[in-house]
C-alpha atoms as a PDB file:
ATOM      1  CA  UNK A   1      -0.101   0.018  -0.008  1.00  0.00           C
ATOM      2  CA  UNK A   2       1.236   3.349  -0.902  1.00  0.00           C
ATOM      3  CA  UNK A   3       0.767   6.547   1.400  1.00  0.00           C
ATOM      4  CA  UNK A   4       0.883  10.033   0.654  1.00  0.00           C
ATOM      5  CA  UNK A   5       4.412  11.239   0.810  1.00  0.00           C
ATOM      6  CA  UNK A   6       5.114  14.411   3.240  1.00  0.00           C
ATOM      7  CA  UNK A   7       5.385  17.678   1.810  1.00  0.00           C
ATOM      8  CA  UNK A   8       9.150  18.961   2.105  1.00  0.00           C
ATOM      9  CA  UNK A   9       7.736  22.143   3.295  1.00  0.00           C
ATOM     10  CA  UNK A  10       5.141  23.762   5.230  1.00  0.00           C
ATOM     11  CA  UNK A  11       1.592  24.655   4.056  1.00  0.00           C
ATOM     12  CA  UNK A  12       2.502  28.583   3.755  1.00  0.00           C
ATOM     13  CA  UNK A  13       6.132  28.041   2.738  1.00  0.00           C
ATOM     14  CA  UNK A  14       5.337  28.759  -0.990  1.00  0.00           C
ATOM     15  CA  UNK A  15       3.273  32.088  -0.633  1.00  0.00           C
ATOM     16  CA  UNK A  16       2.857  34.332  -2.282  1.00  0.00           C
ATOM     17  CA  UNK A  17       3.682  32.258  -5.307  1.00  0.00           C
ATOM     18  CA  UNK A  18       1.582  29.205  -4.500  1.00  0.00           C
ATOM     19  CA  UNK A  19      -0.990  29.647  -1.644  1.00  0.00           C
ATOM     20  CA  UNK A  20      -1.657  27.261   1.294  1.00  0.00           C
ATOM     21  CA  UNK A  21      -5.293  26.993  -0.136  1.00  0.00           C
ATOM     22  CA  UNK A  22      -3.617  25.600  -3.675  1.00  0.00           C
ATOM     23  CA  UNK A  23      -1.752  23.124  -1.620  1.00  0.00           C
ATOM     24  CA  UNK A  24      -4.556  22.169   0.525  1.00  0.00           C
ATOM     25  CA  UNK A  25      -6.381  21.080  -2.939  1.00  0.00           C
ATOM     26  CA  UNK A  26      -3.414  20.328  -4.958  1.00  0.00           C
ATOM     27  CA  UNK A  27      -1.664  18.120  -2.368  1.00  0.00           C
ATOM     28  CA  UNK A  28      -4.526  17.277   0.064  1.00  0.00           C
ATOM     29  CA  UNK A  29      -7.031  16.379  -2.539  1.00  0.00           C
ATOM     30  CA  UNK A  30      -5.640  15.706  -6.070  1.00  0.00           C
ATOM     31  CA  UNK A  31      -2.481  14.092  -5.068  1.00  0.00           C
ATOM     32  CA  UNK A  32      -4.068  12.252  -2.154  1.00  0.00           C
ATOM     33  CA  UNK A  33      -6.819  10.864  -4.749  1.00  0.00           C
ATOM     34  CA  UNK A  34      -3.976   9.362  -7.079  1.00  0.00           C
ATOM     35  CA  UNK A  35      -2.581   7.563  -4.032  1.00  0.00           C
ATOM     36  CA  UNK A  36      -6.104   6.184  -3.082  1.00  0.00           C
ATOM     37  CA  UNK A  37      -7.006   5.122  -6.579  1.00  0.00           C
ATOM     38  CA  UNK A  38      -3.800   3.392  -7.275  1.00  0.00           C
ATOM     39  CA  UNK A  39      -3.975   1.462  -3.971  1.00  0.00           C
ATOM     40  CA  UNK A  40      -7.442   0.308  -5.143  1.00  0.00           C
ATOM     41  CA  UNK A  41      -6.416  -0.454  -8.657  1.00  0.00           C
ATOM     42  CA  UNK A  42      -3.227  -2.703  -7.512  1.00  0.00           C
ATOM     43  CA  UNK A  43      -4.975  -4.478  -4.700  1.00  0.00           C
ATOM     44  CA  UNK A  44      -4.703  -8.183  -4.790  1.00  0.00           C
ATOM     45  CA  UNK A  45      -2.336  -7.914  -7.614  1.00  0.00           C
ATOM     46  CA  UNK A  46       1.233  -8.762  -8.344  1.00  0.00           C
ATOM     47  CA  UNK A  47       1.664  -4.946  -8.592  1.00  0.00           C
ATOM     48  CA  UNK A  48       0.779  -4.505  -4.842  1.00  0.00           C
ATOM     49  CA  UNK A  49       4.373  -5.404  -3.543  1.00  0.00           C
ATOM     50  CA  UNK A  50       6.283  -3.662  -6.167  1.00  0.00           C
ATOM     51  CA  UNK A  51       7.806  -0.260  -5.957  1.00  0.00           C
ATOM     52  CA  UNK A  52       6.328   2.867  -7.824  1.00  0.00           C
ATOM     53  CA  UNK A  53       9.044   2.840 -10.324  1.00  0.00           C
ATOM     54  CA  UNK A  54       8.580  -0.665 -11.040  1.00  0.00           C
ATOM     55  CA  UNK A  55       4.878  -0.274 -11.675  1.00  0.00           C
ATOM     56  CA  UNK A  56       5.346   2.662 -13.944  1.00  0.00           C
ATOM     57  CA  UNK A  57       7.721   0.894 -16.200  1.00  0.00           C
ATOM     58  CA  UNK A  58       5.984  -2.465 -15.945  1.00  0.00           C
ATOM     59  CA  UNK A  59       2.551  -1.130 -17.137  1.00  0.00           C
ATOM     60  CA  UNK A  60       3.737   1.747 -19.531  1.00  0.00           C
ATOM     61  CA  UNK A  61       2.431   1.500 -22.924  1.00  0.00           C
ATOM     62  CA  UNK A  62      -0.134  -1.218 -21.945  1.00  0.00           C
ATOM     63  CA  UNK A  63      -3.662   0.029 -22.945  1.00  0.00           C
ATOM     64  CA  UNK A  64      -5.206  -2.262 -20.621  1.00  0.00           C
ATOM     65  CA  UNK A  65      -3.129  -0.889 -17.649  1.00  0.00           C
ATOM     66  CA  UNK A  66      -3.641   2.571 -18.581  1.00  0.00           C
ATOM     67  CA  UNK A  67      -5.577   3.312 -15.164  1.00  0.00           C
ATOM     68  CA  UNK A  68      -2.858   1.858 -13.240  1.00  0.00           C
ATOM     69  CA  UNK A  69      -0.168   3.670 -15.255  1.00  0.00           C
ATOM     70  CA  UNK A  70      -2.025   7.013 -14.786  1.00  0.00           C
ATOM     71  CA  UNK A  71      -2.480   6.894 -11.132  1.00  0.00           C
ATOM     72  CA  UNK A  72       1.135   5.530 -10.310  1.00  0.00           C
ATOM     73  CA  UNK A  73       2.656   8.003 -12.792  1.00  0.00           C
ATOM     74  CA  UNK A  74       0.886  10.952 -11.245  1.00  0.00           C
ATOM     75  CA  UNK A  75       1.970   9.988  -7.639  1.00  0.00           C
ATOM     76  CA  UNK A  76       5.666   9.856  -8.748  1.00  0.00           C
ATOM     77  CA  UNK A  77       5.294  13.075 -10.833  1.00  0.00           C
ATOM     78  CA  UNK A  78       3.843  14.841  -8.040  1.00  0.00           C
ATOM     79  CA  UNK A  79       6.317  13.588  -5.414  1.00  0.00           C
ATOM     80  CA  UNK A  80       8.971  14.869  -7.899  1.00  0.00           C
ATOM     81  CA  UNK A  81       7.330  18.223  -8.323  1.00  0.00           C
ATOM     82  CA  UNK A  82       7.075  18.757  -4.622  1.00  0.00           C
ATOM     83  CA  UNK A  83      11.011  18.087  -4.444  1.00  0.00           C
ATOM     84  CA  UNK A  84      11.516  20.337  -7.311  1.00  0.00           C
ATOM     85  CA  UNK A  85      10.198  23.332  -5.135  1.00  0.00           C
ATOM     86  CA  UNK A  86      12.004  25.156  -2.392  1.00  0.00           C
ATOM     87  CA  UNK A  87      10.389  27.527   0.248  1.00  0.00           C
ATOM     88  CA  UNK A  88      10.369  31.101  -0.585  1.00  0.00           C
ATOM     89  CA  UNK A  89      12.899  31.637   2.501  1.00  0.00           C
ATOM     90  CA  UNK A  90      15.456  29.764   1.170  1.00  0.00           C
ATOM     91  CA  UNK A  91      17.459  31.482  -1.687  1.00  0.00           C
ATOM     92  CA  UNK A  92      19.383  29.330  -4.204  1.00  0.00           C
ATOM     93  CA  UNK A  93      20.841  29.051  -7.640  1.00  0.00           C
ATOM     94  CA  UNK A  94      22.247  26.549  -9.788  1.00  0.00           C
ATOM     95  CA  UNK A  95      26.129  25.997  -9.222  1.00  0.00           C
ATOM     96  CA  UNK A  96      29.324  23.879 -10.121  1.00  0.00           C
ATOM     97  CA  UNK A  97      28.743  21.429 -12.727  1.00  0.00           C
ATOM     98  CA  UNK A  98      24.995  21.684 -12.971  1.00  0.00           C
ATOM     99  CA  UNK A  99      25.548  25.677 -13.792  1.00  0.00           C
ATOM    100  CA  UNK A 100      28.160  24.525 -16.387  1.00  0.00           C
ATOM    101  CA  UNK A 101      25.926  21.952 -17.969  1.00  0.00           C
ATOM    102  CA  UNK A 102      23.256  24.592 -18.116  1.00  0.00           C
ATOM    103  CA  UNK A 103      25.174  27.163 -19.692  1.00  0.00           C
ATOM    104  CA  UNK A 104      26.724  24.819 -22.096  1.00  0.00           C
ATOM    105  CA  UNK A 105      23.266  23.143 -23.190  1.00  0.00           C
ATOM    106  CA  UNK A 106      21.164  26.271 -23.290  1.00  0.00           C
ATOM    107  CA  UNK A 107      23.855  29.178 -23.705  1.00  0.00           C
ATOM    108  CA  UNK A 108      23.068  30.818 -20.441  1.00  0.00           C
ATOM    109  CA  UNK A 109      21.054  30.504 -17.391  1.00  0.00           C
ATOM    110  CA  UNK A 110      18.519  33.272 -18.558  1.00  0.00           C
ATOM    111  CA  UNK A 111      18.333  31.088 -22.061  1.00  0.00           C
ATOM    112  CA  UNK A 112      17.335  27.895 -20.011  1.00  0.00           C
ATOM    113  CA  UNK A 113      14.755  29.879 -17.995  1.00  0.00           C
ATOM    114  CA  UNK A 114      13.358  31.360 -21.252  1.00  0.00           C
ATOM    115  CA  UNK A 115      13.119  27.976 -22.848  1.00  0.00           C
ATOM    116  CA  UNK A 116      11.576  26.069 -19.951  1.00  0.00           C
ATOM    117  CA  UNK A 117       9.117  28.781 -19.543  1.00  0.00           C
ATOM    118  CA  UNK A 118       8.156  28.333 -23.222  1.00  0.00           C
ATOM    119  CA  UNK A 119       7.911  24.601 -23.098  1.00  0.00           C
ATOM    120  CA  UNK A 120       5.529  24.665 -20.106  1.00  0.00           C
ATOM    121  CA  UNK A 121       3.628  27.289 -21.494  1.00  0.00           C
ATOM    122  CA  UNK A 122       3.317  25.574 -24.643  1.00  0.00           C
ATOM    123  CA  UNK A 123       2.337  22.065 -23.378  1.00  0.00           C
ATOM    124  CA  UNK A 124      -1.307  21.740 -24.739  1.00  0.00           C
ATOM    125  CA  UNK A 125      -3.804  20.686 -22.083  1.00  0.00           C
ATOM    126  CA  UNK A 126      -2.667  18.974 -19.109  1.00  0.00           C
ATOM    127  CA  UNK A 127       0.971  17.724 -18.276  1.00  0.00           C
ATOM    128  CA  UNK A 128       4.490  18.557 -17.260  1.00  0.00           C
ATOM    129  CA  UNK A 129       7.645  20.158 -18.296  1.00  0.00           C
ATOM    130  CA  UNK A 130      10.846  18.686 -17.155  1.00  0.00           C
ATOM    131  CA  UNK A 131      14.687  19.410 -17.143  1.00  0.00           C
ATOM    132  CA  UNK A 132      16.494  16.041 -17.893  1.00  0.00           C
ATOM    133  CA  UNK A 133      19.789  14.950 -18.432  1.00  0.00           C
ATOM    134  CA  UNK A 134      20.774  13.365 -21.597  1.00  0.00           C
ATOM    135  CA  UNK A 135      24.085  11.879 -22.261  1.00  0.00           C
ATOM    136  CA  UNK A 136      26.460  14.668 -21.180  1.00  0.00           C
ATOM    137  CA  UNK A 137      24.106  17.574 -21.604  1.00  0.00           C
ATOM    138  CA  UNK A 138      20.589  18.740 -20.314  1.00  0.00           C
ATOM    139  CA  UNK A 139      17.478  19.091 -22.200  1.00  0.00           C
ATOM    140  CA  UNK A 140      13.802  20.261 -21.727  1.00  0.00           C
ATOM    141  CA  UNK A 141      10.940  18.013 -22.364  1.00  0.00           C
ATOM    142  CA  UNK A 142       7.294  18.075 -22.097  1.00  0.00           C
ATOM    143  CA  UNK A 143       5.002  15.292 -21.209  1.00  0.00           C
ATOM    144  CA  UNK A 144       1.235  14.913 -21.494  1.00  0.00           C
ATOM    145  CA  UNK A 145      -1.174  14.045 -18.944  1.00  0.00           C
ATOM    146  CA  UNK A 146       0.405  11.572 -16.588  1.00  0.00           C
ATOM    147  CA  UNK A 147       3.288  10.545 -18.637  1.00  0.00           C
ATOM    148  CA  UNK A 148       6.832  10.923 -16.971  1.00  0.00           C
ATOM    149  CA  UNK A 149      10.434  10.739 -18.317  1.00  0.00           C
ATOM    150  CA  UNK A 150      11.060   7.713 -16.192  1.00  0.00           C
ATOM    151  CA  UNK A 151       9.058   5.459 -18.166  1.00  0.00           C
ATOM    152  CA  UNK A 152      11.296   6.262 -20.878  1.00  0.00           C
ATOM    153  CA  UNK A 153      14.464   5.821 -18.964  1.00  0.00           C
ATOM    154  CA  UNK A 154      14.739   9.555 -18.687  1.00  0.00           C
ATOM    155  CA  UNK A 155      16.726  11.015 -16.100  1.00  0.00           C
ATOM    156  CA  UNK A 156      14.890  13.975 -14.680  1.00  0.00           C
ATOM    157  CA  UNK A 157      16.363  16.860 -12.574  1.00  0.00           C
ATOM    158  CA  UNK A 158      13.373  19.046 -12.224  1.00  0.00           C
ATOM    159  CA  UNK A 159       9.625  18.939 -12.578  1.00  0.00           C
ATOM    160  CA  UNK A 160       7.160  21.556 -13.466  1.00  0.00           C
ATOM    161  CA  UNK A 161       3.316  20.749 -13.185  1.00  0.00           C
ATOM    162  CA  UNK A 162       1.069  22.417 -15.635  1.00  0.00           C
ATOM    163  CA  UNK A 163      -1.957  20.785 -14.888  1.00  0.00           C
ATOM    164  CA  UNK A 164      -4.844  23.257 -14.314  1.00  0.00           C
ATOM    165  CA  UNK A 165      -5.410  22.491 -10.752  1.00  0.00           C
ATOM    166  CA  UNK A 166      -1.755  23.644  -9.983  1.00  0.00           C
ATOM    167  CA  UNK A 167      -2.557  27.079 -10.584  1.00  0.00           C
ATOM    168  CA  UNK A 168      -6.152  27.797 -11.129  1.00  0.00           C
ATOM    169  CA  UNK A 169      -6.979  28.853  -7.583  1.00  0.00           C
ATOM    170  CA  UNK A 170      -4.125  31.510  -7.657  1.00  0.00           C
ATOM    171  CA  UNK A 171      -3.869  32.355 -11.193  1.00  0.00           C
ATOM    172  CA  UNK A 172      -6.887  31.712 -12.888  1.00  0.00           C
ATOM    173  CA  UNK A 173      -6.045  31.312 -16.600  1.00  0.00           C
ATOM    174  CA  UNK A 174      -2.741  32.952 -16.439  1.00  0.00           C
ATOM    175  CA  UNK A 175      -0.371  29.962 -16.814  1.00  0.00           C
ATOM    176  CA  UNK A 176       2.330  32.030 -17.878  1.00  0.00           C
ATOM    177  CA  UNK A 177       2.296  34.054 -14.734  1.00  0.00           C
ATOM    178  CA  UNK A 178       2.412  30.883 -12.533  1.00  0.00           C
ATOM    179  CA  UNK A 179       5.192  29.242 -14.452  1.00  0.00           C
ATOM    180  CA  UNK A 180       7.393  32.541 -14.376  1.00  0.00           C
ATOM    181  CA  UNK A 181       6.837  32.837 -10.493  1.00  0.00           C
ATOM    182  CA  UNK A 182       7.956  29.186 -10.140  1.00  0.00           C
ATOM    183  CA  UNK A 183      10.774  29.375 -12.251  1.00  0.00           C
ATOM    184  CA  UNK A 184      12.119  32.885 -10.839  1.00  0.00           C
ATOM    185  CA  UNK A 185      11.401  32.092  -6.965  1.00  0.00           C
ATOM    186  CA  UNK A 186      10.674  28.448  -6.201  1.00  0.00           C
ATOM    187  CA  UNK A 187      12.837  25.913  -8.212  1.00  0.00           C
ATOM    188  CA  UNK A 188      14.886  24.093  -5.913  1.00  0.00           C
ATOM    189  CA  UNK A 189      18.428  23.668  -7.212  1.00  0.00           C
ATOM    190  CA  UNK A 190      19.779  21.642  -4.631  1.00  0.00           C
ATOM    191  CA  UNK A 191      17.354  18.871  -5.617  1.00  0.00           C
ATOM    192  CA  UNK A 192      18.419  19.359  -9.153  1.00  0.00           C
ATOM    193  CA  UNK A 193      21.966  19.080  -8.398  1.00  0.00           C
ATOM    194  CA  UNK A 194      21.735  16.082  -6.361  1.00  0.00           C
ATOM    195  CA  UNK A 195      19.887  14.439  -9.246  1.00  0.00           C
ATOM    196  CA  UNK A 196      22.573  15.745 -11.589  1.00  0.00           C
ATOM    197  CA  UNK A 197      25.327  14.375  -9.541  1.00  0.00           C
ATOM    198  CA  UNK A 198      23.625  10.967  -9.178  1.00  0.00           C
ATOM    199  CA  UNK A 199      23.403  10.657 -12.984  1.00  0.00           C
ATOM    200  CA  UNK A 200      27.215  11.365 -13.369  1.00  0.00           C
END
């Protein structure tokens, strides 16, 4: 049985960019529902004793297992997204090898921000924007709905949730404002650096 992972910050830690009310619904309702649905779907099956990652890789691409994939991947994606955010009180920026990789892959840190925002903004409908490691470099990818780089052996460093429930209470239809607020104020570069180092 899976349980809802604890948030790595308090309910008010992301304000004013993400409100406690948004977290109440996004984390407490939507994320919790994915966990609950997954547990119901795998009860009494061989998937019940497997890790979240093994379930996702095991059912990816199987049409008859789409419900399991969608809920398992959404649990994973949300866990990853929360880790990709840092409290407003913690100031940080990419450093060291990760900064070099960002500048090499995108030309500059500002260019990365520009391309990451463009990718997140252009994701049609629900989905995600990701910074991933590919070979010696980095690239930005988009995934629709519950899809996740991990299902395709991708090495994710950061995730940005652009499902409507991630921002509608605070930003209504202004997805671009939400994305810019996250990129400028809440990205957890310590988490990204840890992931980057683990893939080297």
